[in-house]
Amino acid sequence: MKAIPIILFLLGTLLCPKGLFAQEELPHAFDPAFVHVVYFWLHHPDNPEQLQAFETALRNFLSNSRNAKTRFIGRPPKATRDVVDDSFTYSMIVTFESAGAQAAYQAEQAHLDFIAGAGHLWKKVVVYDALGLDP
């Protein structure tokens, strides 16, 4: 019976060159120095055209940001526990190498254009910023 896990591991290693549990490499490694988490509540979260317009604006913004290192856009899954807030429409997580880089991001043209072009789509925005602790 002990040979089966070893055989499965070896098969996985042969079938998956990066290893059995390999994941695709991210374009930017997560940088815990400064994390910027933003939650958006849209005026019309059930309107497909507005969802598409917001998503397009957000993707365009993040692809043009010179200061953001890690970029994540998400939608809430259906909450299965009382402690999970699934009331938002979109979340965005961006990391920076420093607080200075985050300050530069706030003033960069891509960020200002995003706010000017998509700000009318949201009714509420909540931001959580955090400085990383050394392990």
C-alpha atoms as a PDB file:
ATOM      1  CA  MET A   1       0.000   0.000   0.000  1.00  0.00           C
ATOM      2  CA  LYS A   2       2.893   2.405   0.687  1.00  0.00           C
ATOM      3  CA  ALA A   3       4.125   2.022  -2.888  1.00  0.00           C
ATOM      4  CA  ILE A   4       0.961   3.553  -4.391  1.00  0.00           C
ATOM      5  CA  PRO A   5       1.602   7.162  -3.201  1.00  0.00           C
ATOM      6  CA  ILE A   6       5.195   6.916  -4.422  1.00  0.00           C
ATOM      7  CA  ILE A   7       4.066   5.610  -7.814  1.00  0.00           C
ATOM      8  CA  LEU A   8       1.481   8.398  -8.092  1.00  0.00           C
ATOM      9  CA  PHE A   9       4.114  10.978  -7.219  1.00  0.00           C
ATOM     10  CA  LEU A  10       6.539   9.594  -9.803  1.00  0.00           C
ATOM     11  CA  LEU A  11       3.819   9.483 -12.473  1.00  0.00           C
ATOM     12  CA  GLY A  12       2.873  13.056 -11.676  1.00  0.00           C
ATOM     13  CA  THR A  13       6.499  14.127 -11.911  1.00  0.00           C
ATOM     14  CA  LEU A  14       6.865  12.443 -15.294  1.00  0.00           C
ATOM     15  CA  LEU A  15       3.582  13.790 -16.657  1.00  0.00           C
ATOM     16  CA  CYS A  16       4.079  17.290 -15.299  1.00  0.00           C
ATOM     17  CA  PRO A  17       7.645  18.514 -15.928  1.00  0.00           C
ATOM     18  CA  LYS A  18       7.474  21.069 -13.124  1.00  0.00           C
ATOM     19  CA  GLY A  19       6.278  18.482 -10.625  1.00  0.00           C
ATOM     20  CA  LEU A  20       2.991  17.027  -9.447  1.00  0.00           C
ATOM     21  CA  PHE A  21       1.851  20.088  -7.543  1.00  0.00           C
ATOM     22  CA  ALA A  22       3.293  22.754  -9.830  1.00  0.00           C
ATOM     23  CA  GLN A  23       1.339  25.923 -10.501  1.00  0.00           C
ATOM     24  CA  GLU A  24       1.787  28.368 -13.325  1.00  0.00           C
ATOM     25  CA  GLU A  25       4.272  31.077 -12.514  1.00  0.00           C
ATOM     26  CA  LEU A  26       2.757  34.478 -11.896  1.00  0.00           C
ATOM     27  CA  PRO A  27       3.906  37.386 -14.043  1.00  0.00           C
ATOM     28  CA  HIS A  28       4.841  39.290 -10.881  1.00  0.00           C
ATOM     29  CA  ALA A  29       5.850  37.692  -7.600  1.00  0.00           C
ATOM     30  CA  PHE A  30       3.781  38.728  -4.598  1.00  0.00           C
ATOM     31  CA  ASP A  31       5.534  41.508  -2.695  1.00  0.00           C
ATOM     32  CA  PRO A  32       4.297  41.799   0.896  1.00  0.00           C
ATOM     33  CA  ALA A  33       6.017  45.153   1.559  1.00  0.00           C
ATOM     34  CA  PHE A  34       2.841  47.181   0.911  1.00  0.00           C
ATOM     35  CA  VAL A  35      -0.552  45.685   0.076  1.00  0.00           C
ATOM     36  CA  HIS A  36      -3.440  47.782  -1.285  1.00  0.00           C
ATOM     37  CA  VAL A  37      -6.831  46.025  -1.148  1.00  0.00           C
ATOM     38  CA  VAL A  38      -9.825  47.748  -2.732  1.00  0.00           C
ATOM     39  CA  TYR A  39     -13.476  46.677  -2.713  1.00  0.00           C
ATOM     40  CA  PHE A  40     -15.951  48.162  -5.191  1.00  0.00           C
ATOM     41  CA  TRP A  41     -19.731  48.165  -4.974  1.00  0.00           C
ATOM     42  CA  LEU A  42     -21.214  49.066  -8.355  1.00  0.00           C
ATOM     43  CA  HIS A  43     -24.473  50.989  -8.767  1.00  0.00           C
ATOM     44  CA  HIS A  44     -25.899  48.262 -11.007  1.00  0.00           C
ATOM     45  CA  PRO A  45     -24.127  44.971 -10.166  1.00  0.00           C
ATOM     46  CA  ASP A  46     -26.591  42.951 -12.261  1.00  0.00           C
ATOM     47  CA  ASN A  47     -26.096  44.979 -15.443  1.00  0.00           C
ATOM     48  CA  PRO A  48     -23.785  42.985 -17.795  1.00  0.00           C
ATOM     49  CA  GLU A  49     -22.804  46.065 -19.823  1.00  0.00           C
ATOM     50  CA  GLN A  50     -21.733  47.971 -16.724  1.00  0.00           C
ATOM     51  CA  LEU A  51     -19.870  44.951 -15.357  1.00  0.00           C
ATOM     52  CA  GLN A  52     -18.000  44.639 -18.657  1.00  0.00           C
ATOM     53  CA  ALA A  53     -17.257  48.372 -18.777  1.00  0.00           C
ATOM     54  CA  PHE A  54     -15.900  48.320 -15.224  1.00  0.00           C
ATOM     55  CA  GLU A  55     -13.824  45.195 -15.788  1.00  0.00           C
ATOM     56  CA  THR A  56     -12.358  46.603 -18.996  1.00  0.00           C
ATOM     57  CA  ALA A  57     -11.473  49.887 -17.272  1.00  0.00           C
ATOM     58  CA  LEU A  58      -9.912  48.036 -14.319  1.00  0.00           C
ATOM     59  CA  ARG A  59      -7.868  45.707 -16.526  1.00  0.00           C
ATOM     60  CA  ASN A  60      -6.699  48.605 -18.677  1.00  0.00           C
ATOM     61  CA  PHE A  61      -5.708  50.574 -15.591  1.00  0.00           C
ATOM     62  CA  LEU A  62      -3.732  47.735 -14.033  1.00  0.00           C
ATOM     63  CA  SER A  63      -1.985  46.856 -17.281  1.00  0.00           C
ATOM     64  CA  ASN A  64      -0.810  50.476 -17.567  1.00  0.00           C
ATOM     65  CA  SER A  65       0.242  50.990 -13.950  1.00  0.00           C
ATOM     66  CA  ARG A  66       3.996  51.451 -13.691  1.00  0.00           C
ATOM     67  CA  ASN A  67       4.121  51.090  -9.913  1.00  0.00           C
ATOM     68  CA  ALA A  68       1.916  48.082  -9.124  1.00  0.00           C
ATOM     69  CA  LYS A  69       3.839  44.808  -8.840  1.00  0.00           C
ATOM     70  CA  THR A  70       1.218  42.143  -8.152  1.00  0.00           C
ATOM     71  CA  ARG A  71      -2.222  42.632  -9.693  1.00  0.00           C
ATOM     72  CA  PHE A  72      -5.396  40.740  -8.773  1.00  0.00           C
ATOM     73  CA  ILE A  73      -9.028  41.325  -9.786  1.00  0.00           C
ATOM     74  CA  GLY A  74     -11.753  39.205  -8.199  1.00  0.00           C
ATOM     75  CA  ARG A  75     -15.483  38.688  -7.818  1.00  0.00           C
ATOM     76  CA  PRO A  76     -16.984  37.407  -4.567  1.00  0.00           C
ATOM     77  CA  PRO A  77     -17.934  33.764  -4.359  1.00  0.00           C
ATOM     78  CA  LYS A  78     -21.218  32.937  -2.650  1.00  0.00           C
ATOM     79  CA  ALA A  79     -20.480  33.194   1.069  1.00  0.00           C
ATOM     80  CA  THR A  80     -20.815  29.942   2.970  1.00  0.00           C
ATOM     81  CA  ARG A  81     -19.922  31.300   6.408  1.00  0.00           C
ATOM     82  CA  ASP A  82     -21.297  34.205   8.439  1.00  0.00           C
ATOM     83  CA  VAL A  83     -17.878  35.854   8.719  1.00  0.00           C
ATOM     84  CA  VAL A  84     -17.529  36.210   4.929  1.00  0.00           C
ATOM     85  CA  ASP A  85     -18.709  39.478   3.366  1.00  0.00           C
ATOM     86  CA  ASP A  86     -19.796  38.854  -0.214  1.00  0.00           C
ATOM     87  CA  SER A  87     -21.661  42.121  -0.672  1.00  0.00           C
ATOM     88  CA  PHE A  88     -19.058  43.776  -2.933  1.00  0.00           C
ATOM     89  CA  THR A  89     -19.061  43.568  -6.730  1.00  0.00           C
ATOM     90  CA  TYR A  90     -15.291  43.501  -7.411  1.00  0.00           C
ATOM     91  CA  SER A  91     -12.104  43.344  -5.402  1.00  0.00           C
ATOM     92  CA  MET A  92      -8.657  44.418  -6.439  1.00  0.00           C
ATOM     93  CA  ILE A  93      -5.404  43.601  -4.692  1.00  0.00           C
ATOM     94  CA  VAL A  94      -2.240  45.398  -5.714  1.00  0.00           C
ATOM     95  CA  THR A  95       1.152  45.150  -4.055  1.00  0.00           C
ATOM     96  CA  PHE A  96       4.026  47.614  -4.043  1.00  0.00           C
ATOM     97  CA  GLU A  97       7.685  47.392  -3.128  1.00  0.00           C
ATOM     98  CA  SER A  98       7.287  50.331  -0.729  1.00  0.00           C
ATOM     99  CA  ALA A  99       4.930  52.977   0.623  1.00  0.00           C
ATOM    100  CA  GLY A 100       6.660  55.409  -1.739  1.00  0.00           C
ATOM    101  CA  ALA A 101       5.726  53.276  -4.746  1.00  0.00           C
ATOM    102  CA  GLN A 102       2.125  53.204  -3.511  1.00  0.00           C
ATOM    103  CA  ALA A 103       2.128  57.004  -3.225  1.00  0.00           C
ATOM    104  CA  ALA A 104       3.446  57.276  -6.790  1.00  0.00           C
ATOM    105  CA  TYR A 105       0.687  54.884  -7.936  1.00  0.00           C
ATOM    106  CA  GLN A 106      -1.952  57.191  -6.450  1.00  0.00           C
ATOM    107  CA  ALA A 107      -0.706  60.056  -8.634  1.00  0.00           C
ATOM    108  CA  GLU A 108       0.092  58.140 -11.824  1.00  0.00           C
ATOM    109  CA  GLN A 109      -1.952  58.935 -14.927  1.00  0.00           C
ATOM    110  CA  ALA A 110      -3.325  55.379 -15.299  1.00  0.00           C
ATOM    111  CA  HIS A 111      -4.883  55.587 -11.820  1.00  0.00           C
ATOM    112  CA  LEU A 112      -6.301  59.072 -12.406  1.00  0.00           C
ATOM    113  CA  ASP A 113      -7.745  57.999 -15.783  1.00  0.00           C
ATOM    114  CA  PHE A 114      -9.376  54.946 -14.181  1.00  0.00           C
ATOM    115  CA  ILE A 115     -11.092  57.069 -11.533  1.00  0.00           C
ATOM    116  CA  ALA A 116     -12.223  59.642 -14.110  1.00  0.00           C
ATOM    117  CA  GLY A 117     -13.462  57.027 -16.575  1.00  0.00           C
ATOM    118  CA  ALA A 118     -15.049  54.439 -14.272  1.00  0.00           C
ATOM    119  CA  GLY A 119     -15.894  56.374 -11.105  1.00  0.00           C
ATOM    120  CA  HIS A 120     -19.484  56.865 -12.209  1.00  0.00           C
ATOM    121  CA  LEU A 121     -19.995  53.067 -12.138  1.00  0.00           C
ATOM    122  CA  TRP A 122     -19.438  52.573  -8.409  1.00  0.00           C
ATOM    123  CA  LYS A 123     -21.488  53.707  -5.446  1.00  0.00           C
ATOM    124  CA  LYS A 124     -18.986  52.729  -2.770  1.00  0.00           C
ATOM    125  CA  VAL A 125     -15.271  51.986  -2.504  1.00  0.00           C
ATOM    126  CA  VAL A 126     -13.473  50.695   0.601  1.00  0.00           C
ATOM    127  CA  VAL A 127      -9.678  50.549   0.753  1.00  0.00           C
ATOM    128  CA  TYR A 128      -7.476  48.599   3.151  1.00  0.00           C
ATOM    129  CA  ASP A 129      -3.739  49.293   3.044  1.00  0.00           C
ATOM    130  CA  ALA A 130      -1.218  47.284   5.029  1.00  0.00           C
ATOM    131  CA  LEU A 131       2.526  47.291   5.541  1.00  0.00           C
ATOM    132  CA  GLY A 132       4.022  43.816   5.640  1.00  0.00           C
ATOM    133  CA  LEU A 133       5.634  42.480   8.798  1.00  0.00           C
ATOM    134  CA  ASP A 134       8.952  40.696   8.687  1.00  0.00           C
ATOM    135  CA  PRO A 135       8.464  36.933   9.136  1.00  0.00           C
END
